[in-house]
Protein backbone atom coordinates (compact mmCIF):
# COMPACT_ATOMS: atom_id res chain seq x y z
CA MET A 1 -7.19 -13.64 13.40
CA VAL A 2 -4.97 -12.20 10.68
CA GLU A 3 -4.94 -8.44 10.17
CA LEU A 4 -4.97 -6.83 6.73
CA LEU A 5 -3.14 -3.51 7.06
CA ALA A 6 -3.39 -0.86 4.34
CA PRO A 7 -1.72 2.49 3.62
CA ALA A 8 -3.59 5.79 3.48
CA GLY A 9 -2.12 8.99 2.09
CA ASP A 10 -5.10 11.16 3.03
CA LEU A 11 -8.60 10.95 4.51
CA GLU A 12 -10.26 10.01 1.22
CA ARG A 13 -7.95 7.06 0.70
CA LEU A 14 -8.24 6.06 4.36
CA LYS A 15 -12.00 5.73 3.99
CA ILE A 16 -11.61 3.78 0.74
CA ALA A 17 -9.10 1.41 2.36
CA LEU A 18 -11.39 0.65 5.30
CA LYS A 19 -14.47 0.36 3.10
CA TYR A 20 -12.78 -2.16 0.80
CA GLY A 21 -11.74 -4.48 3.61
CA ALA A 22 -8.68 -3.30 5.52
CA ASP A 23 -8.76 -4.09 9.25
CA ALA A 24 -6.38 -1.23 9.99
CA VAL A 25 -4.60 1.60 8.21
CA TYR A 26 -1.25 3.27 8.71
CA ILE A 27 -0.89 6.98 8.12
CA GLY A 28 1.87 9.58 8.34
CA TYR A 29 2.00 12.46 10.76
CA GLU A 30 3.28 15.52 8.92
CA LYS A 31 7.10 15.89 9.19
CA LEU A 32 7.77 12.73 11.18
CA SER A 33 6.83 10.25 8.46
CA LEU A 34 9.02 8.66 5.80
CA ARG A 35 6.73 9.80 2.98
CA ALA A 36 7.33 13.54 2.85
CA ASN A 37 5.73 13.70 -0.61
CA ALA A 38 2.49 12.18 0.64
CA VAL A 39 -0.19 14.53 1.91
CA ASN A 40 0.23 13.15 5.44
CA PHE A 41 -2.13 14.08 8.25
CA THR A 42 -2.58 17.01 10.60
CA PHE A 43 -3.81 16.46 14.16
CA GLU A 44 -7.34 17.42 13.15
CA GLU A 45 -7.30 14.95 10.27
CA ILE A 46 -5.92 12.20 12.51
CA LYS A 47 -8.72 12.88 14.97
CA GLU A 48 -11.30 12.45 12.20
CA ALA A 49 -9.50 9.35 10.91
CA VAL A 50 -9.42 7.70 14.34
CA ASN A 51 -13.09 8.43 15.00
CA TYR A 52 -14.07 7.10 11.59
CA ALA A 53 -12.04 3.90 11.98
CA HIS A 54 -13.07 3.22 15.58
CA ASN A 55 -16.74 3.58 14.66
CA LEU A 56 -16.13 0.69 12.24
CA GLY A 57 -14.26 -1.34 14.85
CA LYS A 58 -10.99 -0.79 12.98
CA LYS A 59 -7.59 0.68 13.86
CA VAL A 60 -5.26 3.54 12.93
CA TYR A 61 -1.49 3.33 13.30
CA VAL A 62 0.69 6.41 12.87
CA THR A 63 4.17 6.26 11.38
CA VAL A 64 6.79 8.23 13.27
CA ASN A 65 9.66 6.50 11.53
CA ILE A 66 12.11 9.03 10.16
CA VAL A 67 15.74 8.75 11.23
CA LEU A 68 15.91 11.47 13.84
CA HIS A 69 18.50 14.24 13.82
CA ASN A 70 19.04 16.53 16.81
CA GLU A 71 16.67 19.22 15.55
CA ASP A 72 13.87 16.66 15.17
CA LEU A 73 13.94 15.83 18.88
CA GLN A 74 12.45 19.16 19.91
CA GLU A 75 8.95 18.35 18.67
CA ILE A 76 8.84 14.61 19.34
CA GLU A 77 7.37 14.55 22.85
CA THR A 78 4.76 17.20 22.04
CA ALA A 79 3.72 15.27 18.93
CA ILE A 80 3.45 11.94 20.74
CA GLU A 81 1.50 13.43 23.64
CA GLY A 82 -0.93 14.85 21.08
CA LEU A 83 -1.26 11.53 19.27
CA SER A 84 -2.00 9.75 22.55
CA LYS A 85 -4.85 12.19 23.24
CA LEU A 86 -6.29 11.33 19.83
CA LYS A 87 -6.34 7.65 20.87
CA VAL A 88 -4.37 6.31 17.91
CA ASP A 89 -3.92 2.56 18.22
CA ALA A 90 -0.13 2.39 17.88
CA LEU A 91 2.96 4.24 16.73
CA ILE A 92 5.21 2.72 14.07
CA ILE A 93 8.70 3.66 15.25
CA SER A 94 12.24 2.94 14.07
CA ASP A 95 14.34 5.19 16.33
CA PRO A 96 14.73 3.99 19.96
CA ALA A 97 14.83 7.63 21.09
CA ILE A 98 11.05 7.71 20.69
CA PHE A 99 10.34 4.62 22.80
CA LYS A 100 10.33 6.36 26.16
CA TYR A 101 7.81 8.95 24.97
CA ALA A 102 5.48 6.29 23.56
CA LYS A 103 5.67 4.40 26.87
CA LYS A 104 5.16 7.59 28.88
CA TYR A 105 1.87 8.22 27.09
CA ASN A 106 0.79 4.54 27.07
CA LEU A 107 0.93 4.04 23.32
CA ASP A 108 1.54 0.63 21.74
CA ILE A 109 4.79 0.46 19.78
CA HIS A 110 5.22 -1.30 16.45
CA LEU A 111 8.86 -1.51 15.39
CA SER A 112 9.13 -0.21 11.83
CA THR A 113 10.67 -2.17 8.99
CA GLN A 114 13.17 0.72 8.87
CA ALA A 115 14.83 -0.91 11.89
CA SER A 116 15.92 -3.73 9.52
CA THR A 117 15.06 -6.50 12.01
CA MET A 118 16.31 -9.83 10.63
CA ASN A 119 16.93 -12.19 13.56
CA TYR A 120 15.17 -13.52 16.64
CA LYS A 121 17.73 -12.11 19.11
CA THR A 122 16.93 -8.60 17.94
CA VAL A 123 13.20 -9.30 18.22
CA GLN A 124 13.75 -10.65 21.76
CA PHE A 125 15.66 -7.48 22.67
CA PHE A 126 12.81 -5.24 21.52
CA GLU A 127 10.28 -7.59 23.13
CA ASN A 128 12.02 -6.91 26.45
CA GLU A 129 11.70 -3.20 25.71
CA GLY A 130 7.92 -3.60 25.67
CA ILE A 131 7.26 -3.51 21.94
CA LYS A 132 3.98 -5.12 20.91
CA ARG A 133 4.74 -5.81 17.24
CA VAL A 134 7.76 -6.03 14.94
CA VAL A 135 7.53 -5.27 11.24
CA LEU A 136 10.25 -7.51 9.90
CA ALA A 137 12.75 -6.45 7.25
CA ARG A 138 11.60 -7.31 3.74
CA GLU A 139 14.80 -9.28 3.11
CA LEU A 140 13.86 -12.42 5.07
CA ASN A 141 12.84 -15.79 3.69
CA ARG A 142 10.12 -18.10 4.97
CA GLU A 143 12.31 -20.22 7.24
CA GLU A 144 13.89 -17.17 8.86
CA ILE A 145 10.47 -15.66 9.58
CA LYS A 146 9.17 -18.97 10.93
CA ASP A 147 12.20 -19.29 13.22
CA ILE A 148 11.71 -15.78 14.58
CA ILE A 149 8.03 -16.48 15.30
CA SER A 150 8.85 -19.75 17.11
CA LYS A 151 11.35 -18.05 19.43
CA THR A 152 9.51 -14.84 20.31
CA HIS A 153 6.16 -13.71 21.66
CA VAL A 154 5.49 -10.40 19.93
CA GLU A 155 3.17 -9.97 16.95
CA ILE A 156 4.95 -10.28 13.63
CA GLU A 157 4.01 -8.14 10.65
CA THR A 158 5.31 -8.55 7.09
CA PHE A 159 4.74 -6.85 3.76
CA ILE A 160 2.68 -8.74 1.21
CA HIS A 161 2.34 -6.30 -1.69
CA GLY A 162 3.86 -3.20 -3.21
CA ALA A 163 7.15 -1.55 -4.11
CA MET A 164 10.51 -2.83 -2.95
CA CYS A 165 13.69 -0.90 -2.20
CA ALA A 166 17.21 -1.40 -3.53
CA GLY A 167 18.54 -0.61 -0.05
CA ILE A 168 18.13 -2.77 3.05
CA SER A 169 14.53 -2.09 4.10
CA GLY A 170 14.78 1.50 2.94
CA ARG A 171 18.19 2.33 4.40
CA CYS A 172 19.67 4.06 1.39
CA VAL A 173 21.63 7.28 0.85
CA MET A 174 21.72 7.43 -2.95
CA SER A 175 18.98 10.05 -2.92
CA ASN A 176 21.16 12.22 -0.66
CA PHE A 177 24.14 11.93 -2.98
CA PHE A 178 22.30 12.56 -6.25
CA THR A 179 19.58 15.05 -5.28
CA LEU A 180 20.36 16.26 -1.72
CA ARG A 181 17.05 14.73 -0.60
CA ASP A 182 17.34 12.53 2.49
CA ALA A 183 15.60 9.20 1.92
CA ASN A 184 15.70 8.45 5.64
CA ARG A 185 13.82 11.64 6.47
CA GLY A 186 11.07 11.19 3.90
CA GLY A 187 12.69 12.68 0.80
CA CYS A 188 13.59 9.64 -1.34
CA SER A 189 13.91 10.57 -5.03
CA GLN A 190 14.02 6.89 -6.07
CA VAL A 191 17.41 7.03 -7.74
CA CYS A 192 17.34 3.23 -8.04
CA ARG A 193 14.62 3.63 -10.68
CA TRP A 194 16.68 5.96 -12.86
CA ASN A 195 18.29 4.78 -16.09
CA PHE A 196 22.08 4.96 -16.22
CA THR A 197 24.59 4.71 -19.06
CA LEU A 198 27.46 2.37 -18.18
CA LEU A 199 30.87 3.55 -19.36
CA ASP A 200 34.13 1.68 -19.81
CA GLU A 201 37.51 3.06 -18.73
CA LYS A 202 37.58 5.19 -21.89
CA LYS A 203 34.12 6.57 -21.10
CA LYS A 204 32.60 4.70 -24.00
CA ALA A 205 29.05 3.43 -23.49
CA LEU A 206 28.77 -0.29 -22.78
CA GLY A 207 25.90 -2.19 -24.35
CA ASP A 208 22.81 -0.99 -26.15
CA ASP A 209 20.50 -0.61 -23.16
CA ASN A 210 20.60 1.67 -20.16
CA PHE A 211 21.32 0.10 -16.78
CA THR A 212 19.06 0.25 -13.75
CA PHE A 213 18.98 -1.61 -10.45
CA CYS A 214 15.28 -1.10 -9.84
CA SER A 215 13.57 -3.86 -7.86
CA LYS A 216 10.45 -5.49 -9.17
CA ASP A 217 7.39 -5.17 -6.95
CA LEU A 218 6.37 -7.60 -4.23
CA SER A 219 3.28 -9.79 -4.58
CA MET A 220 2.56 -12.57 -2.09
CA ILE A 221 -0.90 -13.65 -3.24
CA GLU A 222 0.29 -17.21 -3.90
CA TYR A 223 1.73 -17.53 -0.38
CA ILE A 224 -0.99 -16.09 1.83
CA LYS A 225 -2.16 -19.45 3.16
CA ASP A 226 1.40 -20.46 3.98
CA MET A 227 2.10 -17.13 5.68
CA ILE A 228 -0.98 -17.58 7.86
CA SER A 229 0.13 -21.12 8.74
CA ILE A 230 3.55 -20.02 10.08
CA GLY A 231 1.96 -17.47 12.39
CA ILE A 232 2.31 -14.02 10.80
CA LYS A 233 -0.29 -11.77 12.46
CA SER A 234 -0.44 -8.75 10.19
CA PHE A 235 -0.18 -8.49 6.39
CA LYS A 236 0.94 -5.08 5.22
CA ILE A 237 0.33 -3.45 1.85
CA GLU A 238 2.84 -0.79 0.77
CA GLY A 239 1.79 2.45 -0.87
CA ARG A 240 0.75 5.66 0.89
CA MET A 241 1.30 7.44 -2.43
CA ARG A 242 -0.98 5.04 -4.34
CA SER A 243 -4.37 5.93 -5.83
CA SER A 244 -7.79 5.08 -4.45
CA TYR A 245 -8.28 2.63 -7.31
CA TYR A 246 -5.03 0.84 -6.56
CA LEU A 247 -5.96 0.54 -2.88
CA ALA A 248 -9.50 -0.66 -3.60
CA THR A 249 -8.25 -3.26 -6.08
CA VAL A 250 -5.39 -4.65 -4.00
CA ILE A 251 -7.22 -4.58 -0.67
CA SER A 252 -10.40 -6.21 -2.01
CA ILE A 253 -8.45 -9.09 -3.57
CA TYR A 254 -6.30 -9.78 -0.51
CA ARG A 255 -9.37 -9.46 1.73
CA LYS A 256 -11.09 -12.19 -0.27
CA VAL A 257 -8.00 -14.41 -0.33
CA ILE A 258 -7.30 -14.05 3.40
CA ASP A 259 -10.92 -14.75 4.32
CA ASN A 260 -11.07 -17.80 2.06
CA CYS A 261 -7.80 -19.14 3.44
CA CYS A 262 -9.08 -18.81 7.00
CA LYS A 263 -12.33 -20.58 6.13
CA HIS A 264 -10.99 -23.30 3.82
CA SER A 265 -7.56 -24.37 4.99
CA ASN A 266 -7.18 -27.29 2.54
CA THR A 267 -7.68 -25.51 -0.78
CA ILE A 268 -5.88 -22.91 -2.88
CA GLU A 269 -7.79 -19.71 -2.24
CA TYR A 270 -6.78 -17.41 -5.05
CA ASN A 271 -7.36 -17.68 -8.76
CA ILE A 272 -5.51 -16.68 -11.90
CA LYS A 273 -7.81 -13.72 -12.50
CA ASP A 274 -6.98 -12.30 -9.05
CA LYS A 275 -3.30 -12.44 -9.92
CA LYS A 276 -3.85 -10.80 -13.31
CA VAL A 277 -5.91 -7.97 -11.82
CA LEU A 278 -3.20 -7.28 -9.23
CA SER A 279 -0.59 -7.21 -11.96
CA ALA A 280 -2.67 -4.90 -14.16
CA CYS A 281 -3.18 -2.22 -11.52
CA ALA A 282 0.58 -1.63 -11.14
CA ASN A 283 3.14 -0.63 -13.75
CA ARG A 284 5.98 -2.96 -12.72
CA ASP A 285 6.38 -6.72 -12.73
CA SER A 286 6.09 -8.48 -9.39
CA THR A 287 7.61 -11.50 -7.66
CA CYS A 288 7.62 -13.00 -4.16
CA GLN A 289 11.12 -11.50 -3.70
CA PHE A 290 12.98 -13.10 -0.74
CA TYR A 291 10.22 -15.29 0.71
CA ASN A 292 10.88 -18.54 -1.17
CA GLY A 293 14.66 -18.32 -0.76
CA ASN A 294 15.32 -17.97 -4.48
CA TYR A 295 16.18 -14.29 -4.60
CA ASP A 296 18.20 -13.72 -7.76
CA ASN A 297 18.51 -11.47 -10.82
CA ASN A 298 14.89 -12.21 -11.75
CA CYS A 299 13.76 -10.07 -8.80
CA SER A 300 15.16 -6.83 -10.24
CA TYR A 301 15.39 -4.99 -13.53
CA TYR A 302 18.81 -4.46 -15.06
CA ASN A 303 18.02 -3.27 -18.57
CA GLY A 304 15.14 -3.25 -20.99
CA ARG A 305 12.73 -2.12 -18.31
CA VAL A 306 9.45 -0.59 -19.49
CA GLU A 307 6.81 0.84 -17.16
CA ILE A 308 3.40 1.29 -18.77
CA SER A 309 0.97 3.62 -17.04
CA ASN A 310 -2.21 1.81 -16.07
CA GLN A 311 -5.29 2.87 -18.02
CA ASP A 312 -7.75 0.27 -16.71
CA PHE A 313 -9.36 2.51 -14.10
CA LEU A 314 -12.18 4.43 -15.78
CA GLY A 315 -13.97 6.14 -12.92
CA ILE A 316 -15.38 6.16 -9.41
CA VAL A 317 -19.08 6.22 -8.57
CA LYS A 318 -20.15 9.39 -6.75
CA SER A 319 -23.88 8.61 -6.52
CA TYR A 320 -26.68 6.48 -8.01
CA ASP A 321 -30.27 7.50 -8.82
CA LYS A 322 -32.56 4.50 -8.34
CA LYS A 323 -35.38 6.09 -10.32
CA THR A 324 -33.44 6.97 -13.47
CA LYS A 325 -30.84 4.21 -12.98
CA LEU A 326 -28.14 6.75 -13.75
CA ALA A 327 -24.81 6.51 -11.95
CA THR A 328 -22.82 9.72 -11.56
CA ILE A 329 -19.17 9.00 -12.34
CA GLU A 330 -15.98 10.97 -11.83
CA GLN A 331 -13.77 10.02 -14.78
CA ARG A 332 -10.19 8.77 -14.43
CA ASN A 333 -9.36 7.49 -17.93
CA TYR A 334 -10.82 7.68 -21.43
CA PHE A 335 -13.89 5.55 -22.14
CA LYS A 336 -16.77 5.57 -24.63
CA SER A 337 -20.18 4.14 -25.46
CA GLY A 338 -19.96 0.46 -26.29
CA ASP A 339 -17.10 -0.29 -23.87
CA ILE A 340 -17.48 -3.41 -21.73
CA VAL A 341 -16.66 -2.59 -18.13
CA GLU A 342 -16.40 -4.27 -14.76
CA ILE A 343 -17.80 -2.59 -11.66
CA PHE A 344 -16.48 -3.76 -8.33
CA SER A 345 -17.58 -2.93 -4.83
CA PRO A 346 -16.74 -3.91 -1.26
CA ASN A 347 -20.30 -5.16 -0.78
CA ARG A 348 -21.06 -7.07 -3.96
CA ASP A 349 -19.58 -9.43 -6.54
CA ILE A 350 -18.11 -7.89 -9.70
CA ILE A 351 -20.72 -7.03 -12.34
CA THR A 352 -19.99 -6.72 -16.06
CA LYS A 353 -21.89 -4.21 -18.20
CA GLU A 354 -21.79 -2.54 -21.59
CA ILE A 355 -21.84 1.25 -21.45
CA LYS A 356 -24.85 2.19 -23.59
CA GLU A 357 -25.77 5.73 -22.60
CA ILE A 358 -23.51 8.54 -21.38
CA TYR A 359 -24.72 12.00 -20.34
CA ASP A 360 -22.73 15.09 -19.44
CA GLU A 361 -23.56 17.33 -16.46
CA ASP A 362 -26.20 19.15 -18.53
CA ASN A 363 -27.85 15.83 -19.44
CA ASN A 364 -26.69 15.96 -23.06
CA ILE A 365 -25.91 12.59 -24.63
CA ILE A 366 -22.19 12.17 -25.38
CA GLU A 367 -20.23 9.31 -26.90
CA ILE A 368 -16.78 9.77 -25.36
CA VAL A 369 -15.48 10.71 -21.91
CA ARG A 370 -12.00 12.15 -22.30
CA HIS A 371 -11.48 15.06 -19.90
CA PRO A 372 -9.65 14.53 -16.56
CA LYS A 373 -12.09 14.03 -13.67
CA GLN A 374 -15.02 14.81 -15.96
CA ILE A 375 -18.39 14.30 -14.23
CA VAL A 376 -20.74 12.19 -16.34
CA LYS A 377 -23.75 9.93 -15.87
CA ILE A 378 -24.06 6.44 -17.28
CA TYR A 379 -27.07 4.16 -17.41
CA ILE A 380 -26.61 1.03 -15.27
CA ASP A 381 -29.62 -1.14 -14.52
CA GLU A 382 -28.19 -2.46 -11.23
CA LYS A 383 -27.94 -0.35 -8.09
CA LEU A 384 -24.45 0.99 -7.46
CA GLU A 385 -22.96 2.44 -4.30
CA LYS A 386 -20.82 5.50 -3.68
CA ASP A 387 -17.11 4.67 -4.16
CA ASP A 388 -17.75 1.65 -6.41
CA MET A 389 -14.95 1.44 -8.99
CA ILE A 390 -15.28 1.03 -12.75
CA ARG A 391 -12.53 -0.52 -14.89
CA ILE A 392 -12.30 -1.71 -18.47
CA LYS A 393 -12.93 -5.43 -18.88
CA LYS A 394 -10.02 -7.35 -20.36
CA ASP A 395 -10.07 -10.83 -21.82
């Protein structure tokens, strides 16, 4: 069985990820995670997360994957002992210094992509160290992954969707140089996404456009069936900083595609609309990056890059009154009476509706919803569920 693994930046997004079809989630523990700008989780929140997931028969992995300096070592064993008591399902680790503590407290170890694992000998080495799973470096192609799987016995996990890094699997020090923020301790300022002016030897600007070496995003929807066939056990979505809408959209589509691939091995199990919806919920172009062996200048931006903020997400359902048929919505983007929308859910096919009646919190009829996180009610003649998502319908 293939696992769909999703990110969660906080408890709300963790619950959304599991509700929309993730088999497992990965979360950060406070200072020891590579996403210092994410909310990350306290011990109490991890306890709640683990209980919630385990009640659904699902799993929680905790990232302890910063590059450790001497001062970080003081709190490692205490942290890992605490995580073991919370019954987390595995630790995602990059620094071998943590291995002995994970083993001491009987925790499964997943080797982080930060370890930049790219060959079967390295996987065999860590297999002998007792590691259960290896998250391979993003820079491998299909044949390299297949070869590793054929020569090893650990579970193999790969990324299938989300942002890429200009460094080797995140190993980059540009952020340190430009902003004094350590990318390998959770402080990446994403310098690779900045725009630069190129100068000649006389300090005269070259060309009309700014230069950037920003990578395009990763999207593997076209290759899911093939990735299953070569034996990858876990498909990982990037994005602990991403919104609930992004998670719900991406997870629900990959859930459907994975399930269809497992049931119908002889057919193509994604459609053009799936691909368009995935593209629309992000603000960068996407490619399959290294997987097909054709990694070239089409996988990155160099100039002329434009990122357009996504406005498709209109709101999230907070409740539904079966008697009045009014859905209470928390707004995310501007919408108005007469808009045609799509409502998607983890438990039902997408429904398309025209918004005909909108009421504010005092039950006054309004025509436009324009204030951030405004609470409104809309008339929908089909029962909705809490956490259903509403987006504008596009042709």
